[in-house]
Amino acid sequence: MDEKNNAKQHSILWKDRKQGSITGVTDVLSFDENTVVLETELGVLTLKGKELHVGRLLLDQGEVELDGVIESMVYSGSHPEKKGSLMKRMFR
């Protein structure tokens, strides 16, 4: 089966900088009222803000809902690399 079909899609939906949902989450690395750090399908996502609260967490479905005032969202780490060298991918 294709790896793309196995991976959960990653998306962020945010409303008025006060509440939102994130999909494609594989783990919650840490959280407090000022910072939430999530491991996603596309790298580590750090959200900073005020009065942050995890409203709903469904890791088996890869979903997180958050409330609070978001001031920044930053990805760290790299995007998952494609397997194989460039030459191998070109001549499949």
N, C-alpha and C. Protein backbone atom coordinates (compact mmCIF):
# COMPACT_ATOMS: atom_id res chain seq x y z
N MET A 1 0.84 -1.19 0.00
CA MET A 1 0.00 0.00 0.00
C MET A 1 0.88 1.24 0.00
N ASP A 2 0.47 2.27 -0.65
CA ASP A 2 1.23 3.51 -0.78
C ASP A 2 1.34 4.23 0.56
N GLU A 3 2.53 4.75 0.88
CA GLU A 3 2.74 5.45 2.14
C GLU A 3 1.85 6.68 2.28
N LYS A 4 1.55 7.34 1.18
CA LYS A 4 0.71 8.53 1.23
C LYS A 4 -0.67 8.21 1.75
N ASN A 5 -1.18 7.00 1.46
CA ASN A 5 -2.49 6.61 1.94
C ASN A 5 -2.47 6.29 3.43
N ASN A 6 -1.32 5.84 3.96
CA ASN A 6 -1.21 5.51 5.37
C ASN A 6 -1.06 6.75 6.24
N ALA A 7 -0.45 7.78 5.73
CA ALA A 7 -0.21 9.00 6.51
C ALA A 7 -1.50 9.79 6.65
N LYS A 8 -1.69 10.34 7.85
CA LYS A 8 -2.85 11.19 8.09
C LYS A 8 -2.56 12.57 7.51
N GLN A 9 -3.55 13.16 6.87
CA GLN A 9 -3.35 14.49 6.33
C GLN A 9 -3.21 15.48 7.47
N HIS A 10 -2.37 16.47 7.24
CA HIS A 10 -2.12 17.50 8.24
C HIS A 10 -2.80 18.79 7.80
N SER A 11 -3.61 19.34 8.68
CA SER A 11 -4.25 20.63 8.38
C SER A 11 -4.44 21.41 9.67
N ILE A 12 -4.54 22.73 9.49
CA ILE A 12 -4.80 23.63 10.61
C ILE A 12 -5.98 24.50 10.23
N LEU A 13 -6.96 24.55 11.10
CA LEU A 13 -8.12 25.41 10.92
C LEU A 13 -8.23 26.28 12.16
N TRP A 14 -8.10 27.58 11.98
CA TRP A 14 -8.11 28.50 13.12
C TRP A 14 -9.18 29.57 12.92
N LYS A 15 -9.92 29.87 13.98
CA LYS A 15 -10.99 30.86 13.93
C LYS A 15 -10.67 32.02 14.85
N ASP A 16 -10.53 33.21 14.27
CA ASP A 16 -10.35 34.46 15.03
C ASP A 16 -9.20 34.41 16.03
N ARG A 17 -8.17 33.64 15.75
CA ARG A 17 -7.01 33.49 16.65
C ARG A 17 -7.38 33.04 18.04
N LYS A 18 -8.59 32.48 18.22
CA LYS A 18 -9.04 32.10 19.56
C LYS A 18 -9.32 30.61 19.72
N GLN A 19 -9.65 29.93 18.64
CA GLN A 19 -9.89 28.49 18.75
C GLN A 19 -9.62 27.84 17.41
N GLY A 20 -9.24 26.57 17.47
CA GLY A 20 -8.95 25.90 16.22
C GLY A 20 -8.74 24.42 16.39
N SER A 21 -8.52 23.77 15.26
CA SER A 21 -8.26 22.34 15.28
C SER A 21 -7.09 22.03 14.36
N ILE A 22 -6.38 20.98 14.71
CA ILE A 22 -5.20 20.55 13.96
C ILE A 22 -5.34 19.06 13.73
N THR A 23 -5.14 18.61 12.49
CA THR A 23 -5.16 17.19 12.19
C THR A 23 -3.77 16.75 11.75
N GLY A 24 -3.56 15.45 11.73
CA GLY A 24 -2.25 14.91 11.37
C GLY A 24 -1.28 14.96 12.54
N VAL A 25 -1.81 15.04 13.76
CA VAL A 25 -0.98 15.09 14.97
C VAL A 25 -0.65 13.66 15.39
N THR A 26 0.63 13.39 15.63
CA THR A 26 1.04 12.06 16.05
C THR A 26 1.35 11.99 17.54
N ASP A 27 1.64 13.15 18.17
CA ASP A 27 1.94 13.16 19.61
C ASP A 27 1.89 14.58 20.14
N VAL A 28 1.55 14.72 21.41
CA VAL A 28 1.64 16.01 22.11
C VAL A 28 2.91 15.93 22.94
N LEU A 29 3.90 16.74 22.58
CA LEU A 29 5.20 16.69 23.26
C LEU A 29 5.18 17.46 24.57
N SER A 30 4.49 18.62 24.59
CA SER A 30 4.34 19.38 25.84
C SER A 30 3.27 20.44 25.65
N PHE A 31 2.71 20.89 26.77
CA PHE A 31 1.77 21.99 26.70
C PHE A 31 1.62 22.64 28.07
N ASP A 32 1.41 23.94 28.04
CA ASP A 32 1.03 24.72 29.21
C ASP A 32 0.19 25.89 28.70
N GLU A 33 -0.11 26.85 29.55
CA GLU A 33 -1.02 27.92 29.11
C GLU A 33 -0.40 28.89 28.11
N ASN A 34 0.92 28.81 27.89
CA ASN A 34 1.58 29.71 26.94
C ASN A 34 2.17 29.03 25.72
N THR A 35 2.37 27.71 25.77
CA THR A 35 3.02 26.99 24.67
C THR A 35 2.44 25.58 24.53
N VAL A 36 2.17 25.20 23.29
CA VAL A 36 1.77 23.82 22.98
C VAL A 36 2.72 23.32 21.90
N VAL A 37 3.33 22.16 22.12
CA VAL A 37 4.27 21.58 21.16
C VAL A 37 3.70 20.24 20.69
N LEU A 38 3.44 20.15 19.39
CA LEU A 38 2.83 18.97 18.80
C LEU A 38 3.76 18.34 17.77
N GLU A 39 3.81 17.02 17.74
CA GLU A 39 4.50 16.33 16.66
C GLU A 39 3.44 16.03 15.61
N THR A 40 3.69 16.47 14.37
CA THR A 40 2.73 16.27 13.30
C THR A 40 3.36 15.44 12.19
N GLU A 41 2.56 15.11 11.21
CA GLU A 41 3.05 14.37 10.04
C GLU A 41 4.12 15.16 9.29
N LEU A 42 4.15 16.49 9.45
CA LEU A 42 5.09 17.33 8.71
C LEU A 42 6.15 17.98 9.57
N GLY A 43 6.35 17.51 10.79
CA GLY A 43 7.37 18.05 11.67
C GLY A 43 6.77 18.51 12.99
N VAL A 44 7.60 19.08 13.84
CA VAL A 44 7.17 19.56 15.15
C VAL A 44 6.57 20.95 14.98
N LEU A 45 5.37 21.14 15.52
CA LEU A 45 4.66 22.41 15.45
C LEU A 45 4.57 23.00 16.85
N THR A 46 5.10 24.23 17.01
CA THR A 46 5.04 24.92 18.29
C THR A 46 4.08 26.09 18.16
N LEU A 47 3.09 26.12 19.05
CA LEU A 47 2.11 27.21 19.09
C LEU A 47 2.35 27.99 20.36
N LYS A 48 2.46 29.30 20.24
CA LYS A 48 2.65 30.16 21.40
C LYS A 48 1.49 31.14 21.48
N GLY A 49 1.11 31.45 22.71
CA GLY A 49 0.00 32.36 22.91
C GLY A 49 -0.30 32.56 24.38
N LYS A 50 -1.56 32.87 24.66
CA LYS A 50 -1.99 33.12 26.03
C LYS A 50 -3.23 32.30 26.33
N GLU A 51 -3.30 31.80 27.53
CA GLU A 51 -4.45 31.03 28.02
C GLU A 51 -4.80 29.87 27.09
N LEU A 52 -3.77 29.16 26.63
CA LEU A 52 -3.98 28.02 25.73
C LEU A 52 -4.53 26.83 26.52
N HIS A 53 -5.47 26.15 25.92
CA HIS A 53 -6.13 25.02 26.57
C HIS A 53 -6.41 23.95 25.51
N VAL A 54 -6.03 22.71 25.81
CA VAL A 54 -6.35 21.61 24.92
C VAL A 54 -7.77 21.18 25.22
N GLY A 55 -8.68 21.46 24.28
CA GLY A 55 -10.09 21.15 24.49
C GLY A 55 -10.44 19.70 24.21
N ARG A 56 -9.87 19.17 23.13
CA ARG A 56 -10.14 17.78 22.75
C ARG A 56 -8.88 17.20 22.16
N LEU A 57 -8.57 15.99 22.54
CA LEU A 57 -7.37 15.31 22.06
C LEU A 57 -7.74 13.89 21.66
N LEU A 58 -7.62 13.59 20.37
CA LEU A 58 -7.89 12.25 19.85
C LEU A 58 -6.67 11.79 19.06
N LEU A 59 -5.65 11.30 19.76
CA LEU A 59 -4.41 10.92 19.09
C LEU A 59 -4.60 9.74 18.14
N ASP A 60 -5.53 8.83 18.45
CA ASP A 60 -5.75 7.72 17.54
C ASP A 60 -6.29 8.19 16.20
N GLN A 61 -6.96 9.34 16.17
CA GLN A 61 -7.43 9.94 14.93
C GLN A 61 -6.54 11.08 14.47
N GLY A 62 -5.55 11.45 15.30
CA GLY A 62 -4.61 12.50 14.94
C GLY A 62 -5.19 13.90 15.02
N GLU A 63 -6.15 14.14 15.92
CA GLU A 63 -6.82 15.43 16.01
C GLU A 63 -6.63 16.08 17.38
N VAL A 64 -6.44 17.41 17.34
CA VAL A 64 -6.34 18.20 18.56
C VAL A 64 -7.16 19.47 18.36
N GLU A 65 -7.94 19.84 19.37
CA GLU A 65 -8.65 21.11 19.34
C GLU A 65 -8.10 21.97 20.48
N LEU A 66 -7.84 23.24 20.17
CA LEU A 66 -7.26 24.17 21.14
C LEU A 66 -8.11 25.42 21.25
N ASP A 67 -8.08 26.02 22.44
CA ASP A 67 -8.69 27.33 22.70
C ASP A 67 -7.60 28.22 23.27
N GLY A 68 -7.74 29.53 23.09
CA GLY A 68 -6.80 30.50 23.61
C GLY A 68 -6.36 31.45 22.52
N VAL A 69 -5.60 32.45 22.89
CA VAL A 69 -5.13 33.45 21.93
C VAL A 69 -3.80 32.99 21.35
N ILE A 70 -3.77 32.75 20.04
CA ILE A 70 -2.55 32.30 19.36
C ILE A 70 -1.75 33.51 18.89
N GLU A 71 -0.47 33.53 19.25
CA GLU A 71 0.42 34.62 18.82
C GLU A 71 1.39 34.16 17.73
N SER A 72 1.74 32.86 17.73
CA SER A 72 2.62 32.35 16.67
C SER A 72 2.48 30.85 16.53
N MET A 73 2.77 30.38 15.29
CA MET A 73 2.85 28.95 14.97
C MET A 73 4.13 28.76 14.19
N VAL A 74 4.99 27.86 14.65
CA VAL A 74 6.28 27.65 14.00
C VAL A 74 6.55 26.15 13.87
N TYR A 75 6.95 25.74 12.66
CA TYR A 75 7.39 24.37 12.44
C TYR A 75 8.89 24.29 12.64
N SER A 76 9.32 23.18 13.23
CA SER A 76 10.75 22.90 13.33
C SER A 76 10.96 21.46 12.89
N GLY A 77 12.17 21.11 12.65
CA GLY A 77 12.43 19.79 12.10
C GLY A 77 12.20 19.85 10.60
N SER A 78 12.40 18.74 9.97
CA SER A 78 12.27 18.74 8.51
C SER A 78 11.02 18.01 8.08
N HIS A 79 10.62 18.33 6.88
CA HIS A 79 9.52 17.63 6.23
C HIS A 79 9.98 16.20 6.01
N PRO A 80 9.12 15.21 6.20
CA PRO A 80 9.57 13.82 5.96
C PRO A 80 10.17 13.67 4.57
N GLU A 81 11.34 13.05 4.52
CA GLU A 81 12.06 12.92 3.25
C GLU A 81 11.48 11.78 2.43
N LYS A 82 11.56 11.94 1.14
CA LYS A 82 11.17 10.86 0.24
C LYS A 82 12.27 9.81 0.27
N LYS A 83 11.85 8.56 0.17
CA LYS A 83 12.82 7.48 0.23
C LYS A 83 13.50 7.29 -1.11
N GLY A 84 14.77 6.96 -1.07
CA GLY A 84 15.53 6.68 -2.28
C GLY A 84 16.22 7.93 -2.81
N SER A 85 17.22 7.68 -3.62
CA SER A 85 17.96 8.79 -4.19
C SER A 85 17.16 9.43 -5.32
N LEU A 86 17.60 10.58 -5.75
CA LEU A 86 16.95 11.28 -6.85
C LEU A 86 16.97 10.41 -8.11
N MET A 87 18.08 9.77 -8.38
CA MET A 87 18.20 8.94 -9.57
C MET A 87 17.22 7.77 -9.52
N LYS A 88 17.07 7.13 -8.38
CA LYS A 88 16.14 6.01 -8.25
C LYS A 88 14.71 6.48 -8.45
N ARG A 89 14.36 7.65 -7.94
CA ARG A 89 13.01 8.16 -8.10
C ARG A 89 12.73 8.55 -9.55
N MET A 90 13.77 9.04 -10.26
CA MET A 90 13.58 9.45 -11.65
C MET A 90 13.36 8.28 -12.59
N PHE A 91 14.00 7.13 -12.28
CA PHE A 91 13.96 5.99 -13.19
C PHE A 91 13.20 4.81 -12.61
N ARG A 92 12.02 5.04 -12.08
CA ARG A 92 11.20 3.96 -11.55
C ARG A 92 10.60 3.17 -12.66
